[in-house]
Amino acid sequence: MNFQRRYAHFSAIGTAVLGLCAATGNANAQTIGTTQQEARESQSSPSVRDIFREEHTLFTDRITIEPSISYSYSDRDSLALRGFLALDAIFLGELNLDNVESHITTVEVNTRYGITDRLEASLNIPFVYRTTELESIGGDLSTEQNTQANVSESGLGDVTATLAYRLLPETVERPDVVVSLGVRAPTGKDPYGIDIKPDPNNTNLNVPEELPTGNGVWGVTAGVSVLKTLDPAIVFANLGYTYNIEKDFDDISGGSGNQKAEVDLGDSITAGFGTAFALNERLSLALSYNHEYVRDTYITPDSGSRTKVVGSDANIGVFNIGGSYAMSDTTSIVTNLGIGLTEDASDIKLTFRMPFQL
């Protein structure tokens, strides 16, 4: 009887322990996704952390300073015929073939700081140097005369401040979801009121006296990005909308005299998606596609009617190939090659960054 009572006692204890373990297991199954993010950030390899920093947000309580340099190149050709056809075969008039090459080098310093484990602030300060080469054939009605003009400009670009908030941490079932809100200040040279004059060697070639380094208006960007770990890959996507605030300018004309007007720069919608792989502990590779649609710009002259700027809308599609190498636990080298897939996109854009943590 003693043995039976002891056996019953231990059986009850064992049943209770098994029930507690089962309950604990269920609770762990529910919370493992919540703690997965913190564990990944503290124990993951530097290559995985680089992927999170570049494609999403890392949310670390350390200051990250990210100097970078990027170069973009675009080439545009245009043919203008001013005249008429004689006998449906012979063109009489002015033939003008223009080529515009644009070179833009941007040096940026981006500083990030995790205020909490769910809130991060960043500040981006760019310095822009750009050169435009213009060539034209057809000066003075000649099909052999080729003239060239170069224009260069350098200066501070538009400074941007951003707050990112982790709305939902990653779990087994759902991705990591981050929302962001950014403000762009018009600290760069605006593109309005720049004088455009004919080239002295070719009256058909109009040359700007200077080049812009910014948009000239305040902008507010709201975005959301998602990221999911699917070992061994990490997939991500983003969506954003930029609202440009209307602004009055004392002069928007490219000639003599001042023309006051209100400029409503077209808003833009951006979307992108891609995947990244941690090839080893320090090396990662990423492939992505980004698309931006820029809406039409409208101008309202002083005491005039609102007018759409023809050809001001744009579709910009870019395919990106990027990679990162972690030199140490606090410093990495990041490269990215952007290949323009649409007519409005730059032909190529090459970027080098070196983020490091303090």
Protein backbone atom coordinates (compact mmCIF):
# COMPACT_ATOMS: atom_id res chain seq x y z
CA MET A 1 0.00 0.00 0.00
CA ASN A 2 2.89 2.31 0.81
CA PHE A 3 4.44 1.56 -2.60
CA GLN A 4 1.13 2.12 -4.39
CA ARG A 5 0.62 5.47 -2.63
CA ARG A 6 4.17 6.56 -3.50
CA TYR A 7 3.72 5.43 -7.11
CA ALA A 8 0.46 7.36 -7.39
CA HIS A 9 2.14 10.40 -5.86
CA PHE A 10 5.06 10.33 -8.32
CA SER A 11 2.69 9.67 -11.23
CA ALA A 12 0.73 12.80 -10.34
CA ILE A 13 3.94 14.83 -10.15
CA GLY A 14 5.12 13.41 -13.48
CA THR A 15 1.79 14.21 -15.13
CA ALA A 16 1.96 17.76 -13.81
CA VAL A 17 5.54 18.17 -15.04
CA LEU A 18 4.63 16.82 -18.49
CA GLY A 19 1.67 19.19 -18.64
CA LEU A 20 3.86 22.10 -17.63
CA CYS A 21 6.44 21.16 -20.29
CA ALA A 22 3.73 20.93 -22.91
CA ALA A 23 2.38 24.31 -21.93
CA THR A 24 5.87 25.76 -21.92
CA GLY A 25 6.51 24.23 -25.34
CA ASN A 26 3.38 25.87 -26.73
CA ALA A 27 4.37 29.20 -25.22
CA ASN A 28 7.85 28.87 -26.68
CA ALA A 29 6.38 28.10 -30.06
CA GLN A 30 4.43 31.34 -29.85
CA THR A 31 7.30 33.48 -28.62
CA ILE A 32 10.19 32.01 -30.57
CA GLY A 33 9.41 34.28 -33.49
CA THR A 34 9.39 37.34 -31.23
CA THR A 35 12.82 36.55 -29.81
CA GLN A 36 14.17 35.41 -33.15
CA GLN A 37 14.98 38.98 -34.19
CA GLU A 38 16.98 39.81 -31.04
CA ALA A 39 18.85 36.51 -31.15
CA ARG A 40 19.67 36.98 -34.83
CA GLU A 41 21.00 40.50 -34.29
CA SER A 42 23.20 39.47 -31.37
CA GLN A 43 24.49 36.14 -32.68
CA SER A 44 24.22 36.32 -36.50
CA SER A 45 27.27 36.56 -38.71
CA PRO A 46 28.52 39.97 -39.89
CA SER A 47 27.36 39.16 -43.43
CA VAL A 48 23.74 38.74 -42.28
CA ARG A 49 23.91 41.97 -40.28
CA ASP A 50 25.20 43.72 -43.41
CA ILE A 51 22.16 42.47 -45.33
CA PHE A 52 19.80 43.81 -42.67
CA ARG A 53 21.55 47.19 -42.59
CA GLU A 54 21.59 47.62 -46.37
CA GLU A 55 18.16 46.26 -47.27
CA HIS A 56 16.12 46.96 -44.14
CA THR A 57 17.09 48.40 -40.75
CA LEU A 58 19.40 46.93 -38.13
CA PHE A 59 18.11 48.74 -35.01
CA THR A 60 21.31 48.78 -33.00
CA ASP A 61 21.99 51.05 -30.04
CA ARG A 62 25.41 51.89 -31.49
CA ILE A 63 26.10 54.84 -33.79
CA THR A 64 26.68 53.77 -37.39
CA ILE A 65 28.54 56.17 -39.70
CA GLU A 66 28.36 55.29 -43.38
CA PRO A 67 30.49 57.33 -45.79
CA SER A 68 29.86 56.53 -49.45
CA ILE A 69 30.72 57.61 -52.97
CA SER A 70 28.60 56.95 -56.05
CA TYR A 71 28.98 57.66 -59.75
CA SER A 72 26.18 57.68 -62.31
CA TYR A 73 26.35 58.08 -66.07
CA SER A 74 23.64 58.70 -68.64
CA ASP A 75 23.74 59.36 -72.37
CA ARG A 76 20.87 60.86 -74.37
CA ASP A 77 20.56 61.48 -78.12
CA SER A 78 17.93 63.61 -79.82
CA LEU A 79 17.25 64.52 -83.44
CA ALA A 80 15.42 67.73 -84.36
CA LEU A 81 14.20 68.55 -87.86
CA ARG A 82 13.01 72.08 -88.55
CA GLY A 83 11.84 72.45 -92.15
CA PHE A 84 9.78 70.61 -94.76
CA LEU A 85 10.01 67.87 -97.38
CA ALA A 86 10.21 68.80 -101.05
CA LEU A 87 8.87 66.25 -103.52
CA ASP A 88 8.32 63.91 -100.54
CA ALA A 89 12.01 63.01 -100.62
CA ILE A 90 14.25 66.04 -100.11
CA PHE A 91 14.41 67.72 -96.69
CA LEU A 92 14.87 71.49 -96.76
CA GLY A 93 15.52 73.19 -93.46
CA GLU A 94 17.56 72.79 -90.30
CA LEU A 95 18.93 69.47 -89.08
CA ASN A 96 20.08 69.27 -85.46
CA LEU A 97 21.49 66.15 -83.78
CA ASP A 98 22.20 66.60 -80.07
CA ASN A 99 23.95 64.35 -77.58
CA VAL A 100 23.95 64.98 -73.83
CA GLU A 101 26.24 63.05 -71.48
CA SER A 102 25.72 63.44 -67.75
CA HIS A 103 28.27 62.49 -65.08
CA ILE A 104 27.21 62.79 -61.44
CA THR A 105 29.49 61.97 -58.50
CA THR A 106 27.93 62.08 -55.05
CA VAL A 107 29.80 61.85 -51.75
CA GLU A 108 27.49 61.13 -48.81
CA VAL A 109 27.75 60.69 -45.07
CA ASN A 110 24.83 58.79 -43.54
CA THR A 111 24.64 58.58 -39.73
CA ARG A 112 22.27 56.16 -37.96
CA TYR A 113 21.44 55.66 -34.31
CA GLY A 114 19.04 53.22 -32.66
CA ILE A 115 17.08 55.22 -30.08
CA THR A 116 15.38 52.01 -28.92
CA ASP A 117 15.28 48.44 -30.18
CA ARG A 118 12.34 49.48 -32.40
CA LEU A 119 13.14 53.11 -33.33
CA GLU A 120 16.06 54.38 -35.39
CA ALA A 121 17.00 57.88 -36.58
CA SER A 122 19.25 58.69 -39.52
CA LEU A 123 20.69 61.79 -41.19
CA ASN A 124 22.05 61.84 -44.74
CA ILE A 125 24.26 64.71 -45.97
CA PRO A 126 25.25 64.58 -49.68
CA PHE A 127 27.82 66.58 -51.61
CA VAL A 128 27.23 66.57 -55.39
CA TYR A 129 29.67 67.14 -58.25
CA ARG A 130 28.18 66.92 -61.73
CA THR A 131 29.35 67.54 -65.27
CA THR A 132 27.25 67.72 -68.42
CA GLU A 133 28.76 67.46 -71.90
CA LEU A 134 26.65 68.72 -74.77
CA GLU A 135 27.37 68.00 -78.43
CA SER A 136 25.43 69.22 -81.44
CA ILE A 137 25.63 68.60 -85.18
CA GLY A 138 23.90 70.96 -87.58
CA GLY A 139 25.12 74.37 -86.56
CA ASP A 140 24.47 77.07 -89.15
CA LEU A 141 22.52 74.57 -91.31
CA SER A 142 25.63 72.43 -91.78
CA THR A 143 25.51 68.65 -91.40
CA GLU A 144 29.27 68.54 -90.79
CA GLN A 145 29.72 71.16 -88.09
CA ASN A 146 30.08 69.52 -84.67
CA THR A 147 30.35 71.67 -81.55
CA GLN A 148 30.79 70.77 -77.91
CA ALA A 149 30.21 72.52 -74.57
CA ASN A 150 30.88 71.43 -70.97
CA VAL A 151 29.15 72.63 -67.83
CA SER A 152 30.19 71.65 -64.29
CA GLU A 153 28.73 72.31 -60.85
CA SER A 154 29.47 71.20 -57.30
CA GLY A 155 27.86 71.87 -53.97
CA LEU A 156 25.76 70.58 -51.12
CA GLY A 157 22.81 68.40 -52.10
CA ASP A 158 19.46 67.99 -50.37
CA VAL A 159 19.83 66.83 -46.74
CA THR A 160 17.43 64.11 -45.55
CA ALA A 161 16.42 63.09 -42.01
CA THR A 162 14.51 59.82 -41.43
CA LEU A 163 12.83 57.97 -38.56
CA ALA A 164 12.28 54.20 -38.90
CA TYR A 165 10.02 52.19 -36.59
CA ARG A 166 9.74 48.42 -36.34
CA LEU A 167 6.01 47.85 -36.53
CA LEU A 168 6.12 44.05 -36.33
CA PRO A 169 9.11 41.87 -35.43
CA GLU A 170 9.76 38.78 -37.53
CA THR A 171 8.21 35.50 -36.45
CA VAL A 172 8.08 32.04 -38.00
CA GLU A 173 4.92 32.97 -39.90
CA ARG A 174 5.33 36.71 -40.68
CA PRO A 175 8.14 38.96 -41.93
CA ASP A 176 9.84 41.83 -40.16
CA VAL A 177 7.85 45.00 -40.93
CA VAL A 178 9.36 48.49 -40.66
CA VAL A 179 7.67 51.82 -41.41
CA SER A 180 9.59 55.03 -42.00
CA LEU A 181 9.04 58.76 -42.36
CA GLY A 182 11.63 61.04 -43.92
CA VAL A 183 11.94 64.77 -44.59
CA ARG A 184 14.09 66.20 -47.39
CA ALA A 185 15.27 69.80 -47.05
CA PRO A 186 16.03 71.93 -50.16
CA THR A 187 19.63 72.64 -49.18
CA GLY A 188 20.97 72.05 -52.70
CA LYS A 189 20.97 74.37 -55.71
CA ASP A 190 17.48 74.39 -57.24
CA PRO A 191 16.97 73.89 -61.01
CA TYR A 192 14.81 77.01 -61.50
CA GLY A 193 15.88 80.36 -62.87
CA ILE A 194 19.12 79.05 -64.39
CA ASP A 195 20.07 81.13 -67.44
CA ILE A 196 20.32 79.21 -70.72
CA LYS A 197 22.24 80.86 -73.54
CA PRO A 198 23.15 79.86 -77.11
CA ASP A 199 26.64 78.52 -77.64
CA PRO A 200 28.74 81.18 -79.45
CA ASN A 201 30.00 78.53 -81.90
CA ASN A 202 26.58 77.01 -82.62
CA THR A 203 23.34 78.95 -82.34
CA ASN A 204 21.41 75.66 -82.29
CA LEU A 205 23.07 74.55 -79.04
CA ASN A 206 21.67 76.05 -75.84
CA VAL A 207 23.95 75.75 -72.79
CA PRO A 208 22.95 76.31 -69.12
CA GLU A 209 25.28 78.54 -67.13
CA GLU A 210 25.11 76.25 -64.07
CA LEU A 211 23.62 72.92 -62.98
CA PRO A 212 21.33 72.04 -60.06
CA THR A 213 22.40 69.90 -57.10
CA GLY A 214 18.95 69.52 -55.52
CA ASN A 215 15.19 69.57 -56.16
CA GLY A 216 14.54 73.00 -54.71
CA VAL A 217 11.47 72.02 -52.66
CA TRP A 218 10.72 70.31 -49.36
CA GLY A 219 9.74 66.66 -49.62
CA VAL A 220 8.14 64.16 -47.23
CA THR A 221 8.57 60.42 -47.79
CA ALA A 222 6.52 57.67 -46.12
CA GLY A 223 7.52 54.06 -46.66
CA VAL A 224 7.17 50.49 -45.52
CA SER A 225 9.63 47.63 -45.92
CA VAL A 226 9.34 43.93 -45.16
CA LEU A 227 12.05 41.32 -44.75
CA LYS A 228 11.83 37.57 -44.20
CA THR A 229 14.56 35.09 -43.42
CA LEU A 230 14.21 31.93 -45.52
CA ASP A 231 17.42 30.10 -44.79
CA PRO A 232 19.76 30.32 -46.66
CA ALA A 233 18.16 33.32 -48.41
CA ILE A 234 16.71 36.59 -47.15
CA VAL A 235 13.92 38.17 -49.19
CA PHE A 236 12.83 41.79 -48.91
CA ALA A 237 10.49 44.33 -50.50
CA ASN A 238 9.68 48.00 -50.04
CA LEU A 239 7.10 50.59 -51.03
CA GLY A 240 7.27 54.36 -50.64
CA TYR A 241 5.57 57.61 -51.57
CA THR A 242 7.22 61.04 -51.73
CA TYR A 243 5.11 64.18 -51.50
CA ASN A 244 6.81 67.33 -52.77
CA ILE A 245 5.50 70.54 -51.21
CA GLU A 246 4.58 73.34 -53.61
CA LYS A 247 6.84 76.38 -53.51
CA ASP A 248 6.90 79.89 -54.98
CA PHE A 249 10.01 80.97 -56.89
CA ASP A 250 10.94 84.50 -57.88
CA ASP A 251 12.23 83.32 -61.23
CA ILE A 252 11.79 80.05 -63.14
CA SER A 253 12.71 81.31 -66.61
CA GLY A 254 15.90 80.37 -68.41
CA GLY A 255 16.31 83.73 -70.11
CA SER A 256 16.40 87.40 -69.32
CA GLY A 257 13.79 88.82 -66.97
CA ASN A 258 12.16 87.26 -63.96
CA GLN A 259 9.10 85.04 -64.18
CA LYS A 260 7.51 84.38 -60.80
CA ALA A 261 5.65 81.11 -60.50
CA GLU A 262 4.55 78.38 -58.12
CA VAL A 263 6.14 75.01 -58.82
CA ASP A 264 4.32 71.79 -57.95
CA LEU A 265 7.04 69.20 -58.43
CA GLY A 266 5.57 65.82 -59.31
CA ASP A 267 5.22 63.33 -56.47
CA SER A 268 6.86 59.94 -56.84
CA ILE A 269 6.01 56.34 -56.02
CA THR A 270 8.79 53.81 -55.43
CA ALA A 271 8.68 50.03 -55.13
CA GLY A 272 11.33 47.36 -54.99
CA PHE A 273 12.02 43.74 -54.17
CA GLY A 274 14.97 41.39 -54.05
CA THR A 275 16.85 38.63 -52.33
CA ALA A 276 20.19 38.32 -50.56
CA PHE A 277 22.45 35.44 -49.60
CA ALA A 278 25.07 35.16 -46.89
CA LEU A 279 27.73 33.24 -48.82
CA ASN A 280 29.84 32.78 -45.70
CA GLU A 281 30.36 34.46 -42.36
CA ARG A 282 31.66 37.71 -43.88
CA LEU A 283 30.58 37.79 -47.53
CA SER A 284 27.04 38.42 -48.85
CA LEU A 285 25.44 38.95 -52.26
CA ALA A 286 22.19 40.77 -53.09
CA LEU A 287 20.04 41.06 -56.23
CA SER A 288 17.16 43.52 -56.42
CA TYR A 289 14.96 45.61 -58.69
CA ASN A 290 13.73 49.13 -57.91
CA HIS A 291 11.16 51.13 -59.83
CA GLU A 292 10.14 54.76 -59.43
CA TYR A 293 7.29 56.56 -61.13
CA VAL A 294 7.49 60.36 -61.10
CA ARG A 295 4.25 62.22 -61.76
CA ASP A 296 3.92 65.33 -63.92
CA THR A 297 5.15 68.70 -62.70
CA TYR A 298 2.78 71.68 -62.79
CA ILE A 299 3.69 75.37 -62.92
CA THR A 300 1.38 78.24 -62.00
CA PRO A 301 2.84 81.56 -63.24
CA ASP A 302 2.11 84.75 -61.35
CA SER A 303 -1.41 85.82 -62.39
CA GLY A 304 -1.58 82.84 -64.73
CA SER A 305 -3.22 79.43 -65.00
CA ARG A 306 -1.88 76.11 -63.81
CA THR A 307 0.06 74.40 -66.63
CA LYS A 308 1.51 70.92 -66.94
CA VAL A 309 5.16 70.64 -67.91
CA VAL A 310 5.11 68.29 -70.90
CA GLY A 311 7.54 65.40 -70.52
CA SER A 312 8.15 65.96 -66.80
CA ASP A 313 6.86 62.52 -65.77
CA ALA A 314 9.28 59.61 -65.69
CA ASN A 315 9.54 55.84 -65.22
CA ILE A 316 12.83 54.80 -63.68
CA GLY A 317 13.64 51.09 -63.47
CA VAL A 318 16.97 49.86 -62.09
CA PHE A 319 18.36 46.35 -61.63
CA ASN A 320 20.90 46.17 -58.77
CA ILE A 321 23.74 43.74 -58.13
CA GLY A 322 25.34 44.29 -54.74
CA GLY A 323 27.67 42.67 -52.28
CA SER A 324 29.22 43.31 -48.89
CA TYR A 325 32.36 42.12 -47.13
CA ALA A 326 32.74 42.44 -43.36
CA MET A 327 36.32 43.47 -42.63
CA SER A 328 35.58 43.15 -38.91
CA ASP A 329 32.62 42.97 -36.57
CA THR A 330 32.23 46.76 -36.82
CA THR A 331 33.39 47.69 -40.34
CA SER A 332 32.24 46.54 -43.78
CA ILE A 333 32.76 47.35 -47.45
CA VAL A 334 29.60 47.49 -49.56
CA THR A 335 29.40 47.78 -53.35
CA ASN A 336 26.42 48.07 -55.67
CA LEU A 337 26.02 48.29 -59.44
CA GLY A 338 22.75 49.71 -60.72
CA ILE A 339 21.87 49.07 -64.36
CA GLY A 340 19.17 51.30 -65.87
CA LEU A 341 16.43 49.35 -67.64
CA THR A 342 14.19 52.24 -68.73
CA GLU A 343 14.83 55.30 -70.85
CA ASP A 344 14.52 57.70 -67.91
CA ALA A 345 17.00 55.81 -65.71
CA SER A 346 20.74 56.42 -65.60
CA ASP A 347 22.65 53.96 -67.75
CA ILE A 348 24.79 52.85 -64.81
CA LYS A 349 25.30 53.80 -61.18
CA LEU A 350 28.23 52.46 -59.18
CA THR A 351 28.29 52.88 -55.39
CA PHE A 352 30.90 52.14 -52.72
CA ARG A 353 30.10 52.41 -49.01
CA MET A 354 32.04 51.69 -45.83
CA PRO A 355 29.72 51.59 -42.81
CA PHE A 356 31.34 51.30 -39.40
CA GLN A 357 29.99 51.30 -35.87
CA LEU A 358 31.30 53.33 -32.95
